[in-house]
Amino acid sequence: MRLAEEVIYGNLTKSETQSFNVLLHSTSTFKFYTTSGSAVCYGSSKVSSPDASNNEFMLYSNDTHVEDAYEYSVDENTTLCFLVEGTSQNLTVFYLEINKSELPDSEDEESNKTTTTQSSKTQTPKNNSSKLSTEEIVGITVGCIAIAVVIAILLYLWLRDENPNKVEPEESKSSMATNAQAAIMEVQQTQIHEIRQYSRPPAGVHEVMKAVYLLLGHESSELTHWQDIQRLLGERGTRNIRTRVLEVDPRNITIQQARNAKEQTKSLDTEAVQKISVGLTLFYQFVCSMIDEVEKIEADENYSPNRFAAQGRVLHTTTVNAEEMSETMA
């Protein structure tokens, strides 16, 4: 058995509710707490929207009270419905920790069994081989020396043909792009939630977020409607927007993707975006820095295809010379 932990969080005001479903495989434990304000959490596997009068269990938390972990026994593959209701006048931030037990993968079990069986059947082979003759030892030694000589020649030819004054392209992402990505990690989940909650976003919001997802590899046709952006902003785990922005590499963004993103934000500037939202401003700065970086890479002569073609010719010449040397020695 192995434990898989899941954390669900959100924010709400008094009488506002949020609901969600969790698939459980066996007995699980829940811990519900708030970092500000107060809220109550209802749970049930029998109704899709539990409330105060129709629930199997209820958890409550405020600034000074956190209930102990609640253990809940279920049949295999049971969907448990939760509903969280705010009870404080102020904004309440809540967290629901779920520790659910899962059975080990059958493939892993079979693999472990196979490995154990093979190990138990392994026997030490009998030492029936005779000692190597002097001629065989000499032959093996000469062969090893020949291989070492070929490798040394290959390395020498490669280094000789390389231009020592050549400036290689920078392997790491530029500091400007890295700083813009790191700044996204400063965006609070509440700020992302604020952007996502717009039913009719102010001018500029849809354009900035569409540009972000274009740089992350989405097609323009996937981002036509604001509801498309809202759906993507709701993704969690490795698909969470902050995680994806931190991992993106400007060298993997095509110039066409950068141009499409630039077209989306051409009518905006930092001052105009700052009036809308702090979180949106950080996303806008990420878009601008990524576009600049991709354009620099495109213009850099070190990224020209001719450079890599020339290196290919050098490698080919080196390989031919090595083969000729090997035949001569043989």
C-alpha atoms as a PDB file:
ATOM      1  CA  MET A   1       0.000   0.000   0.000  1.00  0.00           C
ATOM      2  CA  ARG A   2       1.178   3.528  -0.688  1.00  0.00           C
ATOM      3  CA  LEU A   3      -0.334   6.858   0.439  1.00  0.00           C
ATOM      4  CA  ALA A   4      -1.130   9.569  -2.083  1.00  0.00           C
ATOM      5  CA  GLU A   5      -1.697  13.071  -0.661  1.00  0.00           C
ATOM      6  CA  GLU A   6      -3.921  15.607  -2.421  1.00  0.00           C
ATOM      7  CA  VAL A   7      -4.470  19.196  -1.293  1.00  0.00           C
ATOM      8  CA  ILE A   8      -7.488  21.185  -2.457  1.00  0.00           C
ATOM      9  CA  TYR A   9      -7.647  24.892  -1.640  1.00  0.00           C
ATOM     10  CA  GLY A  10      -9.640  27.968  -2.511  1.00  0.00           C
ATOM     11  CA  ASN A  11     -11.123  31.168  -1.140  1.00  0.00           C
ATOM     12  CA  LEU A  12     -14.653  32.421  -0.581  1.00  0.00           C
ATOM     13  CA  THR A  13     -16.759  34.919   1.353  1.00  0.00           C
ATOM     14  CA  LYS A  14     -19.728  34.412   3.684  1.00  0.00           C
ATOM     15  CA  SER A  15     -22.450  32.117   2.256  1.00  0.00           C
ATOM     16  CA  GLU A  16     -20.382  31.545  -0.892  1.00  0.00           C
ATOM     17  CA  THR A  17     -19.861  27.844  -1.697  1.00  0.00           C
ATOM     18  CA  GLN A  18     -17.460  25.715  -3.716  1.00  0.00           C
ATOM     19  CA  SER A  19     -17.948  22.034  -4.569  1.00  0.00           C
ATOM     20  CA  PHE A  20     -15.665  19.334  -5.936  1.00  0.00           C
ATOM     21  CA  ASN A  21     -15.449  15.526  -6.282  1.00  0.00           C
ATOM     22  CA  VAL A  22     -12.652  13.131  -5.256  1.00  0.00           C
ATOM     23  CA  LEU A  23     -12.260   9.484  -6.344  1.00  0.00           C
ATOM     24  CA  LEU A  24     -11.297   7.215  -3.415  1.00  0.00           C
ATOM     25  CA  HIS A  25     -10.087   3.604  -3.521  1.00  0.00           C
ATOM     26  CA  SER A  26     -10.200   2.649   0.158  1.00  0.00           C
ATOM     27  CA  THR A  27     -10.178   4.140   3.658  1.00  0.00           C
ATOM     28  CA  SER A  28      -8.998   7.773   3.574  1.00  0.00           C
ATOM     29  CA  THR A  29      -8.429  10.605   6.027  1.00  0.00           C
ATOM     30  CA  PHE A  30      -9.317  14.296   5.649  1.00  0.00           C
ATOM     31  CA  LYS A  31      -8.017  17.392   7.415  1.00  0.00           C
ATOM     32  CA  PHE A  32      -9.820  20.704   6.868  1.00  0.00           C
ATOM     33  CA  TYR A  33      -8.395  24.054   7.997  1.00  0.00           C
ATOM     34  CA  THR A  34      -8.413  27.771   7.173  1.00  0.00           C
ATOM     35  CA  THR A  35      -5.612  30.339   7.258  1.00  0.00           C
ATOM     36  CA  SER A  36      -8.042  33.246   7.511  1.00  0.00           C
ATOM     37  CA  GLY A  37     -11.749  33.521   8.222  1.00  0.00           C
ATOM     38  CA  SER A  38     -13.889  30.450   8.883  1.00  0.00           C
ATOM     39  CA  ALA A  39     -15.688  27.811   6.819  1.00  0.00           C
ATOM     40  CA  VAL A  40     -17.524  24.492   7.062  1.00  0.00           C
ATOM     41  CA  CYS A  41     -16.937  21.457   4.805  1.00  0.00           C
ATOM     42  CA  TYR A  42     -19.719  18.896   4.112  1.00  0.00           C
ATOM     43  CA  GLY A  43     -18.981  15.458   2.604  1.00  0.00           C
ATOM     44  CA  SER A  44     -21.146  12.696   1.159  1.00  0.00           C
ATOM     45  CA  SER A  45     -20.925   9.809  -1.300  1.00  0.00           C
ATOM     46  CA  LYS A  46     -24.716   9.594  -1.668  1.00  0.00           C
ATOM     47  CA  VAL A  47     -25.642  13.095  -2.891  1.00  0.00           C
ATOM     48  CA  SER A  48     -23.909  15.297  -5.455  1.00  0.00           C
ATOM     49  CA  SER A  49     -24.300  18.503  -3.419  1.00  0.00           C
ATOM     50  CA  PRO A  50     -24.210  17.855   0.349  1.00  0.00           C
ATOM     51  CA  ASP A  51     -25.350  20.552   2.775  1.00  0.00           C
ATOM     52  CA  ALA A  52     -26.087  21.069   6.471  1.00  0.00           C
ATOM     53  CA  SER A  53     -29.131  18.784   6.368  1.00  0.00           C
ATOM     54  CA  ASN A  54     -27.863  16.148   3.961  1.00  0.00           C
ATOM     55  CA  ASN A  55     -24.301  14.961   4.600  1.00  0.00           C
ATOM     56  CA  GLU A  56     -22.316  12.027   5.930  1.00  0.00           C
ATOM     57  CA  PHE A  57     -19.790  14.135   7.803  1.00  0.00           C
ATOM     58  CA  MET A  58     -19.049  17.802   8.508  1.00  0.00           C
ATOM     59  CA  LEU A  59     -15.711  19.530   9.230  1.00  0.00           C
ATOM     60  CA  TYR A  60     -15.397  23.076  10.602  1.00  0.00           C
ATOM     61  CA  SER A  61     -12.416  25.405  10.923  1.00  0.00           C
ATOM     62  CA  ASN A  62     -11.616  29.009  11.819  1.00  0.00           C
ATOM     63  CA  ASP A  63      -8.511  31.021  12.779  1.00  0.00           C
ATOM     64  CA  THR A  64      -8.209  29.291  16.183  1.00  0.00           C
ATOM     65  CA  HIS A  65      -9.854  25.894  15.570  1.00  0.00           C
ATOM     66  CA  VAL A  66      -8.711  22.969  13.419  1.00  0.00           C
ATOM     67  CA  GLU A  67     -10.445  19.583  13.791  1.00  0.00           C
ATOM     68  CA  ASP A  68      -8.397  16.391  13.979  1.00  0.00           C
ATOM     69  CA  ALA A  69      -8.043  14.283  10.860  1.00  0.00           C
ATOM     70  CA  TYR A  70     -11.335  12.576   9.955  1.00  0.00           C
ATOM     71  CA  GLU A  71     -11.139   8.935   8.803  1.00  0.00           C
ATOM     72  CA  TYR A  72     -13.699   7.804   6.214  1.00  0.00           C
ATOM     73  CA  SER A  73     -14.176   4.197   5.036  1.00  0.00           C
ATOM     74  CA  VAL A  74     -15.451   3.640   1.497  1.00  0.00           C
ATOM     75  CA  ASP A  75     -15.836   0.848  -1.008  1.00  0.00           C
ATOM     76  CA  GLU A  76     -13.280   0.631  -3.818  1.00  0.00           C
ATOM     77  CA  ASN A  77     -13.603   3.366  -6.482  1.00  0.00           C
ATOM     78  CA  THR A  78     -16.126   5.566  -4.645  1.00  0.00           C
ATOM     79  CA  THR A  79     -16.665   9.205  -5.617  1.00  0.00           C
ATOM     80  CA  LEU A  80     -16.958  11.481  -2.584  1.00  0.00           C
ATOM     81  CA  CYS A  81     -18.632  14.881  -3.045  1.00  0.00           C
ATOM     82  CA  PHE A  82     -17.514  17.906  -0.990  1.00  0.00           C
ATOM     83  CA  LEU A  83     -19.124  21.314  -0.498  1.00  0.00           C
ATOM     84  CA  VAL A  84     -17.292  24.134   1.322  1.00  0.00           C
ATOM     85  CA  GLU A  85     -19.317  27.102   2.620  1.00  0.00           C
ATOM     86  CA  GLY A  86     -17.844  30.323   3.965  1.00  0.00           C
ATOM     87  CA  THR A  87     -19.131  31.496   7.357  1.00  0.00           C
ATOM     88  CA  SER A  88     -17.009  34.625   7.844  1.00  0.00           C
ATOM     89  CA  GLN A  89     -17.634  38.182   6.687  1.00  0.00           C
ATOM     90  CA  ASN A  90     -14.011  38.418   5.570  1.00  0.00           C
ATOM     91  CA  LEU A  91     -12.375  36.506   2.751  1.00  0.00           C
ATOM     92  CA  THR A  92     -11.721  32.912   3.860  1.00  0.00           C
ATOM     93  CA  VAL A  93      -8.840  30.830   2.510  1.00  0.00           C
ATOM     94  CA  PHE A  94      -9.392  27.094   3.076  1.00  0.00           C
ATOM     95  CA  TYR A  95      -7.364  23.908   2.593  1.00  0.00           C
ATOM     96  CA  LEU A  96      -8.554  20.282   2.484  1.00  0.00           C
ATOM     97  CA  GLU A  97      -5.795  17.668   2.824  1.00  0.00           C
ATOM     98  CA  ILE A  98      -6.731  14.194   1.572  1.00  0.00           C
ATOM     99  CA  ASN A  99      -4.598  11.144   2.338  1.00  0.00           C
ATOM    100  CA  LYS A 100      -6.011   8.294   0.277  1.00  0.00           C
ATOM    101  CA  SER A 101      -4.694   4.733   0.103  1.00  0.00           C
ATOM    102  CA  GLU A 102      -4.167   3.123  -3.278  1.00  0.00           C
ATOM    103  CA  LEU A 103      -3.391  -0.446  -4.238  1.00  0.00           C
ATOM    104  CA  PRO A 104       0.022  -0.988  -5.902  1.00  0.00           C
ATOM    105  CA  ASP A 105       0.006  -1.244  -9.696  1.00  0.00           C
ATOM    106  CA  SER A 106      -0.396  -4.814 -10.896  1.00  0.00           C
ATOM    107  CA  GLU A 107       2.403  -4.295 -13.380  1.00  0.00           C
ATOM    108  CA  ASP A 108       4.775  -3.343 -10.558  1.00  0.00           C
ATOM    109  CA  GLU A 109       3.819  -6.500  -8.639  1.00  0.00           C
ATOM    110  CA  GLU A 110       4.438  -8.708 -11.667  1.00  0.00           C
ATOM    111  CA  SER A 111       7.765  -6.989 -12.278  1.00  0.00           C
ATOM    112  CA  ASN A 112       8.822  -7.560  -8.663  1.00  0.00           C
ATOM    113  CA  LYS A 113       7.794 -11.215  -8.837  1.00  0.00           C
ATOM    114  CA  THR A 114       9.682 -11.732 -12.091  1.00  0.00           C
ATOM    115  CA  THR A 115      12.815 -10.109 -10.683  1.00  0.00           C
ATOM    116  CA  THR A 116      12.666 -12.262  -7.542  1.00  0.00           C
ATOM    117  CA  THR A 117      12.159 -15.446  -9.561  1.00  0.00           C
ATOM    118  CA  GLN A 118      15.018 -14.659 -11.894  1.00  0.00           C
ATOM    119  CA  SER A 119      17.310 -13.848  -8.966  1.00  0.00           C
ATOM    120  CA  SER A 120      16.490 -17.101  -7.216  1.00  0.00           C
ATOM    121  CA  LYS A 121      17.257 -19.100 -10.356  1.00  0.00           C
ATOM    122  CA  THR A 122      20.584 -17.387 -10.979  1.00  0.00           C
ATOM    123  CA  GLN A 123      23.481 -19.727 -10.347  1.00  0.00           C
ATOM    124  CA  THR A 124      27.220 -19.195 -10.357  1.00  0.00           C
ATOM    125  CA  PRO A 125      28.556 -20.661 -13.611  1.00  0.00           C
ATOM    126  CA  LYS A 126      31.216 -23.287 -13.321  1.00  0.00           C
ATOM    127  CA  ASN A 127      34.702 -22.133 -14.110  1.00  0.00           C
ATOM    128  CA  ASN A 128      35.390 -24.337 -17.120  1.00  0.00           C
ATOM    129  CA  SER A 129      37.352 -21.739 -19.103  1.00  0.00           C
ATOM    130  CA  SER A 130      41.022 -22.368 -19.532  1.00  0.00           C
ATOM    131  CA  LYS A 131      43.699 -19.712 -19.066  1.00  0.00           C
ATOM    132  CA  LEU A 132      44.347 -17.312 -21.963  1.00  0.00           C
ATOM    133  CA  SER A 133      47.430 -17.996 -24.015  1.00  0.00           C
ATOM    134  CA  THR A 134      50.179 -15.419 -24.376  1.00  0.00           C
ATOM    135  CA  GLU A 135      49.161 -14.763 -27.998  1.00  0.00           C
ATOM    136  CA  GLU A 136      45.562 -14.049 -26.983  1.00  0.00           C
ATOM    137  CA  ILE A 137      46.643 -11.627 -24.253  1.00  0.00           C
ATOM    138  CA  VAL A 138      48.869  -9.767 -26.719  1.00  0.00           C
ATOM    139  CA  GLY A 139      46.022  -9.607 -29.262  1.00  0.00           C
ATOM    140  CA  ILE A 140      43.575  -8.141 -26.734  1.00  0.00           C
ATOM    141  CA  THR A 141      46.140  -5.584 -25.581  1.00  0.00           C
ATOM    142  CA  VAL A 142      46.892  -4.458 -29.136  1.00  0.00           C
ATOM    143  CA  GLY A 143      43.154  -4.138 -29.844  1.00  0.00           C
ATOM    144  CA  CYS A 144      42.604  -1.914 -26.795  1.00  0.00           C
ATOM    145  CA  ILE A 145      45.560   0.280 -27.758  1.00  0.00           C
ATOM    146  CA  ALA A 146      44.213   0.617 -31.313  1.00  0.00           C
ATOM    147  CA  ILE A 147      40.794   1.743 -30.012  1.00  0.00           C
ATOM    148  CA  ALA A 148      42.409   4.294 -27.690  1.00  0.00           C
ATOM    149  CA  VAL A 149      44.497   5.676 -30.591  1.00  0.00           C
ATOM    150  CA  VAL A 150      41.422   6.046 -32.809  1.00  0.00           C
ATOM    151  CA  ILE A 151      39.541   7.915 -30.053  1.00  0.00           C
ATOM    152  CA  ALA A 152      42.531  10.225 -29.491  1.00  0.00           C
ATOM    153  CA  ILE A 153      42.745  10.987 -33.230  1.00  0.00           C
ATOM    154  CA  LEU A 154      39.019  11.742 -33.414  1.00  0.00           C
ATOM    155  CA  LEU A 155      39.308  14.122 -30.476  1.00  0.00           C
ATOM    156  CA  TYR A 156      42.378  15.833 -31.935  1.00  0.00           C
ATOM    157  CA  LEU A 157      40.770  16.361 -35.347  1.00  0.00           C
ATOM    158  CA  TRP A 158      37.599  17.728 -33.800  1.00  0.00           C
ATOM    159  CA  LEU A 159      39.439  20.219 -31.606  1.00  0.00           C
ATOM    160  CA  ARG A 160      41.758  21.245 -34.452  1.00  0.00           C
ATOM    161  CA  ASP A 161      38.876  22.119 -36.770  1.00  0.00           C
ATOM    162  CA  GLU A 162      37.030  24.100 -34.110  1.00  0.00           C
ATOM    163  CA  ASN A 163      37.620  27.862 -34.105  1.00  0.00           C
ATOM    164  CA  PRO A 164      38.970  28.724 -30.628  1.00  0.00           C
ATOM    165  CA  ASN A 165      37.697  32.299 -30.984  1.00  0.00           C
ATOM    166  CA  LYS A 166      34.181  31.246 -31.843  1.00  0.00           C
ATOM    167  CA  VAL A 167      31.554  32.358 -29.334  1.00  0.00           C
ATOM    168  CA  GLU A 168      29.191  29.497 -28.674  1.00  0.00           C
ATOM    169  CA  PRO A 169      25.527  30.243 -28.060  1.00  0.00           C
ATOM    170  CA  GLU A 170      24.664  30.648 -24.415  1.00  0.00           C
ATOM    171  CA  GLU A 171      23.346  27.355 -23.054  1.00  0.00           C
ATOM    172  CA  SER A 172      21.314  28.846 -20.260  1.00  0.00           C
ATOM    173  CA  LYS A 173      18.259  30.999 -20.588  1.00  0.00           C
ATOM    174  CA  SER A 174      18.864  34.737 -20.430  1.00  0.00           C
ATOM    175  CA  SER A 175      18.595  36.430 -17.052  1.00  0.00           C
ATOM    176  CA  MET A 176      15.791  38.645 -18.334  1.00  0.00           C
ATOM    177  CA  ALA A 177      13.660  35.639 -19.331  1.00  0.00           C
ATOM    178  CA  THR A 178      14.524  33.798 -16.112  1.00  0.00           C
ATOM    179  CA  ASN A 179      13.618  36.788 -13.935  1.00  0.00           C
ATOM    180  CA  ALA A 180      10.287  37.209 -15.717  1.00  0.00           C
ATOM    181  CA  GLN A 181       9.503  33.527 -15.171  1.00  0.00           C
ATOM    182  CA  ALA A 182      10.521  33.656 -11.508  1.00  0.00           C
ATOM    183  CA  ALA A 183       8.263  36.676 -11.017  1.00  0.00           C
ATOM    184  CA  ILE A 184       5.275  34.543 -12.034  1.00  0.00           C
ATOM    185  CA  MET A 185       5.885  32.382  -8.957  1.00  0.00           C
ATOM    186  CA  GLU A 186       5.149  35.511  -6.901  1.00  0.00           C
ATOM    187  CA  VAL A 187       1.616  35.606  -8.325  1.00  0.00           C
ATOM    188  CA  GLN A 188      -0.723  34.470  -5.568  1.00  0.00           C
ATOM    189  CA  GLN A 189      -3.343  31.805  -6.278  1.00  0.00           C
ATOM    190  CA  THR A 190      -5.960  34.349  -5.257  1.00  0.00           C
ATOM    191  CA  GLN A 191      -4.739  36.699  -8.021  1.00  0.00           C
ATOM    192  CA  ILE A 192      -5.012  33.927 -10.604  1.00  0.00           C
ATOM    193  CA  HIS A 193      -8.459  33.118  -9.219  1.00  0.00           C
ATOM    194  CA  GLU A 194      -9.381  36.806  -9.551  1.00  0.00           C
ATOM    195  CA  ILE A 195      -8.408  36.785 -13.246  1.00  0.00           C
ATOM    196  CA  ARG A 196     -10.273  33.531 -13.838  1.00  0.00           C
ATOM    197  CA  GLN A 197     -13.455  34.774 -12.113  1.00  0.00           C
ATOM    198  CA  TYR A 198     -14.116  37.505 -14.696  1.00  0.00           C
ATOM    199  CA  SER A 199     -17.317  36.717 -16.556  1.00  0.00           C
ATOM    200  CA  ARG A 200     -16.606  39.623 -18.913  1.00  0.00           C
ATOM    201  CA  PRO A 201     -12.903  40.482 -18.504  1.00  0.00           C
ATOM    202  CA  PRO A 202     -11.746  44.103 -18.900  1.00  0.00           C
ATOM    203  CA  ALA A 203     -10.036  45.016 -22.149  1.00  0.00           C
ATOM    204  CA  GLY A 204      -6.532  43.587 -22.192  1.00  0.00           C
ATOM    205  CA  VAL A 205      -7.084  40.603 -19.872  1.00  0.00           C
ATOM    206  CA  HIS A 206      -8.076  38.133 -22.578  1.00  0.00           C
ATOM    207  CA  GLU A 207      -5.297  39.403 -24.861  1.00  0.00           C
ATOM    208  CA  VAL A 208      -2.502  39.025 -22.259  1.00  0.00           C
ATOM    209  CA  MET A 209      -3.574  35.550 -21.126  1.00  0.00           C
ATOM    210  CA  LYS A 210      -4.030  34.394 -24.720  1.00  0.00           C
ATOM    211  CA  ALA A 211      -0.467  35.566 -25.476  1.00  0.00           C
ATOM    212  CA  VAL A 212       0.812  33.585 -22.462  1.00  0.00           C
ATOM    213  CA  TYR A 213      -0.791  30.360 -23.675  1.00  0.00           C
ATOM    214  CA  LEU A 214       0.385  30.944 -27.255  1.00  0.00           C
ATOM    215  CA  LEU A 215       3.964  31.015 -25.917  1.00  0.00           C
ATOM    216  CA  LEU A 216       3.236  27.813 -23.982  1.00  0.00           C
ATOM    217  CA  GLY A 217       2.425  26.052 -27.257  1.00  0.00           C
ATOM    218  CA  HIS A 218      -1.361  26.320 -27.606  1.00  0.00           C
ATOM    219  CA  GLU A 219      -2.967  27.025 -30.964  1.00  0.00           C
ATOM    220  CA  SER A 220      -4.882  30.262 -31.454  1.00  0.00           C
ATOM    221  CA  SER A 221      -8.040  28.286 -32.248  1.00  0.00           C
ATOM    222  CA  GLU A 222      -7.946  26.834 -28.714  1.00  0.00           C
ATOM    223  CA  LEU A 223      -7.993  30.306 -27.142  1.00  0.00           C
ATOM    224  CA  THR A 224     -10.730  32.101 -29.093  1.00  0.00           C
ATOM    225  CA  HIS A 225     -13.231  32.414 -26.234  1.00  0.00           C
ATOM    226  CA  TRP A 226     -12.641  33.649 -22.679  1.00  0.00           C
ATOM    227  CA  GLN A 227     -14.146  30.382 -21.408  1.00  0.00           C
ATOM    228  CA  ASP A 228     -11.173  28.586 -23.035  1.00  0.00           C
ATOM    229  CA  ILE A 229      -8.766  30.700 -20.964  1.00  0.00           C
ATOM    230  CA  GLN A 230     -10.805  30.100 -17.786  1.00  0.00           C
ATOM    231  CA  ARG A 231     -10.615  26.337 -18.318  1.00  0.00           C
ATOM    232  CA  LEU A 232      -6.825  26.435 -18.734  1.00  0.00           C
ATOM    233  CA  LEU A 233      -6.393  28.664 -15.665  1.00  0.00           C
ATOM    234  CA  GLY A 234      -8.228  26.014 -13.632  1.00  0.00           C
ATOM    235  CA  GLU A 235      -5.705  23.270 -14.413  1.00  0.00           C
ATOM    236  CA  ARG A 236      -3.664  21.944 -11.478  1.00  0.00           C
ATOM    237  CA  GLY A 237      -0.524  19.948 -10.782  1.00  0.00           C
ATOM    238  CA  THR A 238       2.042  19.919 -13.594  1.00  0.00           C
ATOM    239  CA  ARG A 239      -0.489  21.711 -15.822  1.00  0.00           C
ATOM    240  CA  ASN A 240      -0.749  24.641 -13.402  1.00  0.00           C
ATOM    241  CA  ILE A 241       0.084  27.863 -15.249  1.00  0.00           C
ATOM    242  CA  ARG A 242       2.825  28.906 -12.789  1.00  0.00           C
ATOM    243  CA  THR A 243       4.583  25.538 -13.172  1.00  0.00           C
ATOM    244  CA  ARG A 244       4.358  25.650 -16.977  1.00  0.00           C
ATOM    245  CA  VAL A 245       5.677  29.229 -17.171  1.00  0.00           C
ATOM    246  CA  LEU A 246       8.649  28.375 -14.945  1.00  0.00           C
ATOM    247  CA  GLU A 247       9.614  25.401 -17.132  1.00  0.00           C
ATOM    248  CA  VAL A 248       9.274  27.021 -20.578  1.00  0.00           C
ATOM    249  CA  ASP A 249      12.519  27.600 -22.505  1.00  0.00           C
ATOM    250  CA  PRO A 250      12.623  30.499 -25.023  1.00  0.00           C
ATOM    251  CA  ARG A 251      14.816  28.352 -27.285  1.00  0.00           C
ATOM    252  CA  ASN A 252      11.851  25.988 -27.729  1.00  0.00           C
ATOM    253  CA  ILE A 253       9.461  28.795 -28.740  1.00  0.00           C
ATOM    254  CA  THR A 254       9.179  29.344 -32.495  1.00  0.00           C
ATOM    255  CA  ILE A 255       9.448  32.811 -33.994  1.00  0.00           C
ATOM    256  CA  GLN A 256       5.905  32.421 -35.335  1.00  0.00           C
ATOM    257  CA  GLN A 257       4.549  31.727 -31.828  1.00  0.00           C
ATOM    258  CA  ALA A 258       6.356  34.852 -30.598  1.00  0.00           C
ATOM    259  CA  ARG A 259       4.905  36.941 -33.441  1.00  0.00           C
ATOM    260  CA  ASN A 260       1.391  35.687 -32.709  1.00  0.00           C
ATOM    261  CA  ALA A 261       1.786  36.603 -29.031  1.00  0.00           C
ATOM    262  CA  LYS A 262       3.174  40.019 -29.973  1.00  0.00           C
ATOM    263  CA  GLU A 263       0.173  40.635 -32.218  1.00  0.00           C
ATOM    264  CA  GLN A 264      -2.152  39.976 -29.273  1.00  0.00           C
ATOM    265  CA  THR A 265      -0.471  42.565 -27.020  1.00  0.00           C
ATOM    266  CA  LYS A 266       0.577  45.219 -29.543  1.00  0.00           C
ATOM    267  CA  SER A 267      -2.064  47.698 -28.309  1.00  0.00           C
ATOM    268  CA  LEU A 268      -1.094  47.316 -24.622  1.00  0.00           C
ATOM    269  CA  ASP A 269       1.622  48.751 -22.417  1.00  0.00           C
ATOM    270  CA  THR A 270       2.732  48.184 -18.823  1.00  0.00           C
ATOM    271  CA  GLU A 271       0.972  51.270 -17.467  1.00  0.00           C
ATOM    272  CA  ALA A 272      -2.375  50.235 -18.930  1.00  0.00           C
ATOM    273  CA  VAL A 273      -2.079  46.660 -17.658  1.00  0.00           C
ATOM    274  CA  GLN A 274      -1.060  47.798 -14.140  1.00  0.00           C
ATOM    275  CA  LYS A 275      -4.404  49.579 -13.786  1.00  0.00           C
ATOM    276  CA  ILE A 276      -6.197  46.232 -14.202  1.00  0.00           C
ATOM    277  CA  SER A 277      -4.301  43.814 -11.945  1.00  0.00           C
ATOM    278  CA  VAL A 278      -0.904  43.214 -10.338  1.00  0.00           C
ATOM    279  CA  GLY A 279      -1.054  39.542 -11.317  1.00  0.00           C
ATOM    280  CA  LEU A 280      -1.917  40.395 -14.917  1.00  0.00           C
ATOM    281  CA  THR A 281       1.050  42.806 -15.020  1.00  0.00           C
ATOM    282  CA  LEU A 282       3.479  39.984 -14.152  1.00  0.00           C
ATOM    283  CA  PHE A 283       2.028  37.815 -16.920  1.00  0.00           C
ATOM    284  CA  TYR A 284       2.356  40.733 -19.346  1.00  0.00           C
ATOM    285  CA  GLN A 285       6.022  41.237 -18.402  1.00  0.00           C
ATOM    286  CA  PHE A 286       6.623  37.506 -18.948  1.00  0.00           C
ATOM    287  CA  VAL A 287       5.133  37.755 -22.449  1.00  0.00           C
ATOM    288  CA  CYS A 288       7.255  40.806 -23.361  1.00  0.00           C
ATOM    289  CA  SER A 289      10.525  39.293 -22.100  1.00  0.00           C
ATOM    290  CA  MET A 290       9.902  35.981 -23.881  1.00  0.00           C
ATOM    291  CA  ILE A 291       9.122  37.713 -27.175  1.00  0.00           C
ATOM    292  CA  ASP A 292      12.323  39.794 -26.910  1.00  0.00           C
ATOM    293  CA  GLU A 293      14.383  36.684 -26.122  1.00  0.00           C
ATOM    294  CA  VAL A 294      12.973  34.665 -29.040  1.00  0.00           C
ATOM    295  CA  GLU A 295      13.644  37.561 -31.424  1.00  0.00           C
ATOM    296  CA  LYS A 296      17.250  37.801 -30.184  1.00  0.00           C
ATOM    297  CA  ILE A 297      17.752  34.074 -30.705  1.00  0.00           C
ATOM    298  CA  GLU A 298      16.317  34.349 -34.209  1.00  0.00           C
ATOM    299  CA  ALA A 299      18.705  37.185 -35.062  1.00  0.00           C
ATOM    300  CA  ASP A 300      21.792  35.602 -33.488  1.00  0.00           C
ATOM    301  CA  GLU A 301      24.195  34.283 -36.117  1.00  0.00           C
ATOM    302  CA  ASN A 302      25.242  31.500 -33.764  1.00  0.00           C
ATOM    303  CA  TYR A 303      21.817  29.954 -34.235  1.00  0.00           C
ATOM    304  CA  SER A 304      22.098  29.965 -38.040  1.00  0.00           C
ATOM    305  CA  PRO A 305      21.478  26.541 -39.713  1.00  0.00           C
ATOM    306  CA  ASN A 306      24.715  27.073 -41.723  1.00  0.00           C
ATOM    307  CA  ARG A 307      26.713  26.839 -38.496  1.00  0.00           C
ATOM    308  CA  PHE A 308      25.328  23.446 -37.616  1.00  0.00           C
ATOM    309  CA  ALA A 309      25.728  22.236 -41.225  1.00  0.00           C
ATOM    310  CA  ALA A 310      29.405  23.210 -41.099  1.00  0.00           C
ATOM    311  CA  GLN A 311      29.843  21.251 -37.871  1.00  0.00           C
ATOM    312  CA  GLY A 312      28.220  18.272 -39.590  1.00  0.00           C
ATOM    313  CA  ARG A 313      30.806  18.411 -42.389  1.00  0.00           C
ATOM    314  CA  VAL A 314      33.644  18.480 -39.840  1.00  0.00           C
ATOM    315  CA  LEU A 315      32.204  15.468 -38.022  1.00  0.00           C
ATOM    316  CA  HIS A 316      31.825  13.564 -41.307  1.00  0.00           C
ATOM    317  CA  THR A 317      35.465  14.273 -42.287  1.00  0.00           C
ATOM    318  CA  THR A 318      36.640  13.192 -38.838  1.00  0.00           C
ATOM    319  CA  THR A 319      34.717   9.911 -39.070  1.00  0.00           C
ATOM    320  CA  VAL A 320      36.172   9.105 -42.521  1.00  0.00           C
ATOM    321  CA  ASN A 321      39.719   9.818 -41.326  1.00  0.00           C
ATOM    322  CA  ALA A 322      39.195   7.583 -38.292  1.00  0.00           C
ATOM    323  CA  GLU A 323      37.907   4.746 -40.443  1.00  0.00           C
ATOM    324  CA  GLU A 324      40.896   5.018 -42.794  1.00  0.00           C
ATOM    325  CA  MET A 325      43.283   4.993 -39.824  1.00  0.00           C
ATOM    326  CA  SER A 326      41.586   1.925 -38.368  1.00  0.00           C
ATOM    327  CA  GLU A 327      41.871   0.021 -41.680  1.00  0.00           C
ATOM    328  CA  THR A 328      45.574   0.936 -41.965  1.00  0.00           C
ATOM    329  CA  MET A 329      46.321  -0.342 -38.457  1.00  0.00           C
ATOM    330  CA  ALA A 330      44.439  -3.559 -39.140  1.00  0.00           C
END
